[in-house]
Amino acid sequence: MIMGLWGSGKSTPLITPTQGELRIDRHNLLQLSPQQLRQFRRQHLGMVFQQFALFPHRTVLENVEYSLKIQGIPKGWRRKP
């Protein structure tokens, strides 16, 4: 989990890593091509928006699972403990 205040740079290493190592699940993101990095983010990372971007008509759980829903992942799997 990467957590911090809005505008503090949480997304920057996941979008444009430039030096060092950023390892997630034994993958060094700095060694991935731009296309591989996009695919990795799609398959391995999720995002929960901050207050300004939450859907007010959805529950907390529905907001958290929204990115999985738009990927077509069935409700039963999204809510699997």
N, C-alpha and C. Protein backbone atom coordinates (compact mmCIF):
# COMPACT_ATOMS: atom_id res chain seq x y z
N MET A 1 0.84 -1.16 0.00
CA MET A 1 0.00 0.00 0.00
C MET A 1 0.89 1.23 0.00
N ILE A 2 0.52 2.16 -0.83
CA ILE A 2 1.15 3.48 -0.80
C ILE A 2 0.06 4.43 -0.35
N MET A 3 0.32 5.15 0.73
CA MET A 3 -0.70 6.01 1.29
C MET A 3 -0.09 7.36 1.65
N GLY A 4 -0.83 8.40 1.40
CA GLY A 4 -0.35 9.73 1.76
C GLY A 4 -1.35 10.79 1.37
N LEU A 5 -1.02 12.01 1.68
CA LEU A 5 -1.90 13.13 1.38
C LEU A 5 -2.00 13.37 -0.11
N TRP A 6 -3.09 13.99 -0.53
CA TRP A 6 -3.28 14.34 -1.93
C TRP A 6 -2.16 15.25 -2.37
N GLY A 7 -1.55 14.92 -3.51
CA GLY A 7 -0.48 15.75 -4.05
C GLY A 7 0.90 15.47 -3.49
N SER A 8 1.04 14.41 -2.69
CA SER A 8 2.34 14.16 -2.06
C SER A 8 3.27 13.29 -2.92
N GLY A 9 2.83 12.88 -4.12
CA GLY A 9 3.71 12.14 -5.02
C GLY A 9 3.58 10.63 -4.97
N LYS A 10 2.48 10.12 -4.46
CA LYS A 10 2.31 8.66 -4.33
C LYS A 10 2.32 7.97 -5.69
N SER A 11 1.71 8.58 -6.69
CA SER A 11 1.58 7.95 -8.00
C SER A 11 2.83 8.07 -8.85
N THR A 12 3.65 9.06 -8.60
CA THR A 12 4.80 9.35 -9.46
C THR A 12 5.70 8.14 -9.70
N PRO A 13 6.10 7.38 -8.67
CA PRO A 13 6.98 6.24 -8.95
C PRO A 13 6.30 5.14 -9.76
N LEU A 14 4.98 5.11 -9.76
CA LEU A 14 4.26 4.09 -10.52
C LEU A 14 4.01 4.52 -11.95
N ILE A 15 4.20 5.80 -12.24
CA ILE A 15 3.96 6.32 -13.59
C ILE A 15 5.27 6.54 -14.32
N THR A 16 6.21 7.21 -13.67
CA THR A 16 7.48 7.55 -14.32
C THR A 16 8.66 7.28 -13.40
N PRO A 17 8.92 6.01 -13.05
CA PRO A 17 10.09 5.73 -12.20
C PRO A 17 11.36 6.09 -12.96
N THR A 18 12.35 6.67 -12.25
CA THR A 18 13.55 7.14 -12.94
C THR A 18 14.85 6.52 -12.45
N GLN A 19 14.94 6.17 -11.18
CA GLN A 19 16.19 5.60 -10.69
C GLN A 19 15.92 4.77 -9.45
N GLY A 20 16.90 3.96 -9.10
CA GLY A 20 16.78 3.11 -7.92
C GLY A 20 16.01 1.84 -8.23
N GLU A 21 15.36 1.30 -7.23
CA GLU A 21 14.56 0.09 -7.39
C GLU A 21 13.20 0.32 -6.79
N LEU A 22 12.20 -0.16 -7.48
CA LEU A 22 10.84 -0.17 -6.96
C LEU A 22 10.31 -1.57 -7.22
N ARG A 23 10.32 -2.39 -6.17
CA ARG A 23 9.95 -3.79 -6.32
C ARG A 23 8.56 -4.06 -5.77
N ILE A 24 7.78 -4.73 -6.59
CA ILE A 24 6.44 -5.18 -6.20
C ILE A 24 6.32 -6.61 -6.71
N ASP A 25 6.00 -7.53 -5.82
CA ASP A 25 5.87 -8.95 -6.19
C ASP A 25 7.08 -9.44 -6.99
N ARG A 26 8.27 -9.13 -6.51
CA ARG A 26 9.54 -9.57 -7.12
C ARG A 26 9.81 -8.96 -8.49
N HIS A 27 9.05 -7.96 -8.90
CA HIS A 27 9.29 -7.27 -10.17
C HIS A 27 9.91 -5.91 -9.85
N ASN A 28 11.00 -5.59 -10.53
CA ASN A 28 11.58 -4.26 -10.40
C ASN A 28 10.96 -3.40 -11.49
N LEU A 29 10.10 -2.48 -11.10
CA LEU A 29 9.36 -1.69 -12.07
C LEU A 29 10.26 -0.85 -12.96
N LEU A 30 11.46 -0.51 -12.50
CA LEU A 30 12.37 0.28 -13.33
C LEU A 30 12.96 -0.52 -14.48
N GLN A 31 12.84 -1.83 -14.44
CA GLN A 31 13.36 -2.66 -15.53
C GLN A 31 12.29 -2.98 -16.57
N LEU A 32 11.07 -2.51 -16.36
CA LEU A 32 9.98 -2.78 -17.30
C LEU A 32 9.92 -1.69 -18.37
N SER A 33 9.57 -2.09 -19.58
CA SER A 33 9.36 -1.11 -20.64
C SER A 33 8.07 -0.34 -20.32
N PRO A 34 7.86 0.80 -20.97
CA PRO A 34 6.61 1.54 -20.72
C PRO A 34 5.36 0.69 -20.92
N GLN A 35 5.36 -0.14 -21.95
CA GLN A 35 4.21 -1.02 -22.21
C GLN A 35 4.06 -2.07 -21.10
N GLN A 36 5.17 -2.67 -20.68
CA GLN A 36 5.13 -3.66 -19.60
C GLN A 36 4.68 -3.01 -18.29
N LEU A 37 5.14 -1.77 -18.05
CA LEU A 37 4.75 -1.06 -16.83
C LEU A 37 3.25 -0.80 -16.81
N ARG A 38 2.68 -0.37 -17.96
CA ARG A 38 1.23 -0.16 -18.04
C ARG A 38 0.48 -1.45 -17.76
N GLN A 39 0.93 -2.54 -18.36
CA GLN A 39 0.27 -3.83 -18.16
C GLN A 39 0.39 -4.29 -16.70
N PHE A 40 1.55 -4.09 -16.11
CA PHE A 40 1.75 -4.45 -14.70
C PHE A 40 0.79 -3.67 -13.81
N ARG A 41 0.68 -2.37 -14.06
CA ARG A 41 -0.23 -1.55 -13.25
C ARG A 41 -1.67 -2.03 -13.41
N ARG A 42 -2.06 -2.39 -14.62
CA ARG A 42 -3.44 -2.86 -14.85
C ARG A 42 -3.72 -4.17 -14.13
N GLN A 43 -2.75 -5.05 -14.08
CA GLN A 43 -2.98 -6.39 -13.55
C GLN A 43 -2.67 -6.53 -12.06
N HIS A 44 -1.80 -5.69 -11.52
CA HIS A 44 -1.32 -5.92 -10.16
C HIS A 44 -1.62 -4.79 -9.17
N LEU A 45 -2.05 -3.65 -9.66
CA LEU A 45 -2.27 -2.53 -8.76
C LEU A 45 -3.71 -2.06 -8.82
N GLY A 46 -4.17 -1.53 -7.74
CA GLY A 46 -5.51 -0.95 -7.68
C GLY A 46 -5.42 0.41 -7.02
N MET A 47 -6.50 1.13 -7.13
CA MET A 47 -6.49 2.47 -6.58
C MET A 47 -7.85 2.73 -5.93
N VAL A 48 -7.82 3.34 -4.81
CA VAL A 48 -9.03 3.82 -4.17
C VAL A 48 -8.92 5.33 -4.12
N PHE A 49 -9.88 6.00 -4.73
CA PHE A 49 -9.81 7.44 -4.83
C PHE A 49 -10.05 8.10 -3.49
N GLN A 50 -9.54 9.30 -3.38
CA GLN A 50 -9.74 10.08 -2.16
C GLN A 50 -11.12 10.72 -2.20
N GLN A 51 -11.46 11.38 -1.15
CA GLN A 51 -12.82 11.87 -0.93
C GLN A 51 -13.43 12.58 -2.14
N PHE A 52 -12.69 13.45 -2.82
CA PHE A 52 -13.28 14.23 -3.90
C PHE A 52 -13.74 13.37 -5.07
N ALA A 53 -13.18 12.17 -5.20
CA ALA A 53 -13.51 11.34 -6.36
C ALA A 53 -14.36 10.12 -6.00
N LEU A 54 -14.80 10.01 -4.77
CA LEU A 54 -15.64 8.89 -4.39
C LEU A 54 -17.03 9.06 -4.96
N PHE A 55 -17.69 7.93 -5.22
CA PHE A 55 -19.07 7.96 -5.66
C PHE A 55 -19.96 8.06 -4.43
N PRO A 56 -20.66 9.16 -4.25
CA PRO A 56 -21.45 9.33 -3.03
C PRO A 56 -22.64 8.37 -2.96
N HIS A 57 -23.06 7.84 -4.10
CA HIS A 57 -24.21 6.93 -4.11
C HIS A 57 -23.79 5.47 -3.90
N ARG A 58 -22.50 5.21 -3.72
CA ARG A 58 -22.00 3.85 -3.48
C ARG A 58 -21.54 3.73 -2.03
N THR A 59 -21.54 2.50 -1.55
CA THR A 59 -21.02 2.23 -0.21
C THR A 59 -19.49 2.25 -0.26
N VAL A 60 -18.85 2.17 0.90
CA VAL A 60 -17.39 2.11 0.95
C VAL A 60 -16.91 0.89 0.16
N LEU A 61 -17.52 -0.26 0.38
CA LEU A 61 -17.13 -1.48 -0.33
C LEU A 61 -17.29 -1.32 -1.84
N GLU A 62 -18.38 -0.72 -2.27
CA GLU A 62 -18.61 -0.53 -3.71
C GLU A 62 -17.58 0.43 -4.32
N ASN A 63 -17.17 1.44 -3.58
CA ASN A 63 -16.12 2.33 -4.06
C ASN A 63 -14.79 1.60 -4.17
N VAL A 64 -14.48 0.77 -3.17
CA VAL A 64 -13.21 0.03 -3.18
C VAL A 64 -13.16 -0.96 -4.33
N GLU A 65 -14.26 -1.63 -4.60
CA GLU A 65 -14.25 -2.67 -5.64
C GLU A 65 -14.54 -2.14 -7.04
N TYR A 66 -14.74 -0.85 -7.18
CA TYR A 66 -15.15 -0.29 -8.47
C TYR A 66 -14.16 -0.61 -9.60
N SER A 67 -12.87 -0.48 -9.36
CA SER A 67 -11.90 -0.74 -10.43
C SER A 67 -11.96 -2.20 -10.88
N LEU A 68 -12.24 -3.11 -9.96
CA LEU A 68 -12.40 -4.52 -10.35
C LEU A 68 -13.67 -4.71 -11.16
N LYS A 69 -14.73 -4.00 -10.78
CA LYS A 69 -16.00 -4.11 -11.49
C LYS A 69 -15.84 -3.69 -12.95
N ILE A 70 -15.18 -2.56 -13.20
CA ILE A 70 -15.05 -2.10 -14.59
C ILE A 70 -14.11 -2.97 -15.41
N GLN A 71 -13.32 -3.82 -14.73
CA GLN A 71 -12.48 -4.79 -15.44
C GLN A 71 -13.26 -6.05 -15.77
N GLY A 72 -14.52 -6.12 -15.30
CA GLY A 72 -15.36 -7.28 -15.60
C GLY A 72 -15.19 -8.43 -14.63
N ILE A 73 -14.57 -8.20 -13.50
CA ILE A 73 -14.36 -9.26 -12.51
C ILE A 73 -15.68 -9.48 -11.77
N PRO A 74 -16.16 -10.74 -11.73
CA PRO A 74 -17.47 -11.03 -11.12
C PRO A 74 -17.56 -10.60 -9.66
N LYS A 75 -18.77 -10.21 -9.26
CA LYS A 75 -19.02 -9.72 -7.91
C LYS A 75 -18.59 -10.73 -6.85
N GLY A 76 -18.85 -12.00 -7.06
CA GLY A 76 -18.46 -13.03 -6.10
C GLY A 76 -16.97 -13.07 -5.85
N TRP A 77 -16.18 -12.88 -6.92
CA TRP A 77 -14.72 -12.90 -6.78
C TRP A 77 -14.24 -11.62 -6.11
N ARG A 78 -14.86 -10.47 -6.49
CA ARG A 78 -14.45 -9.18 -5.92
C ARG A 78 -14.64 -9.17 -4.41
N ARG A 79 -15.64 -9.88 -3.93
CA ARG A 79 -15.96 -9.86 -2.51
C ARG A 79 -15.49 -11.11 -1.77
N LYS A 80 -14.68 -11.91 -2.43
CA LYS A 80 -14.16 -13.13 -1.82
C LYS A 80 -13.24 -12.76 -0.66
N PRO A 81 -13.46 -13.38 0.53
CA PRO A 81 -12.61 -13.05 1.69
C PRO A 81 -11.18 -13.52 1.52
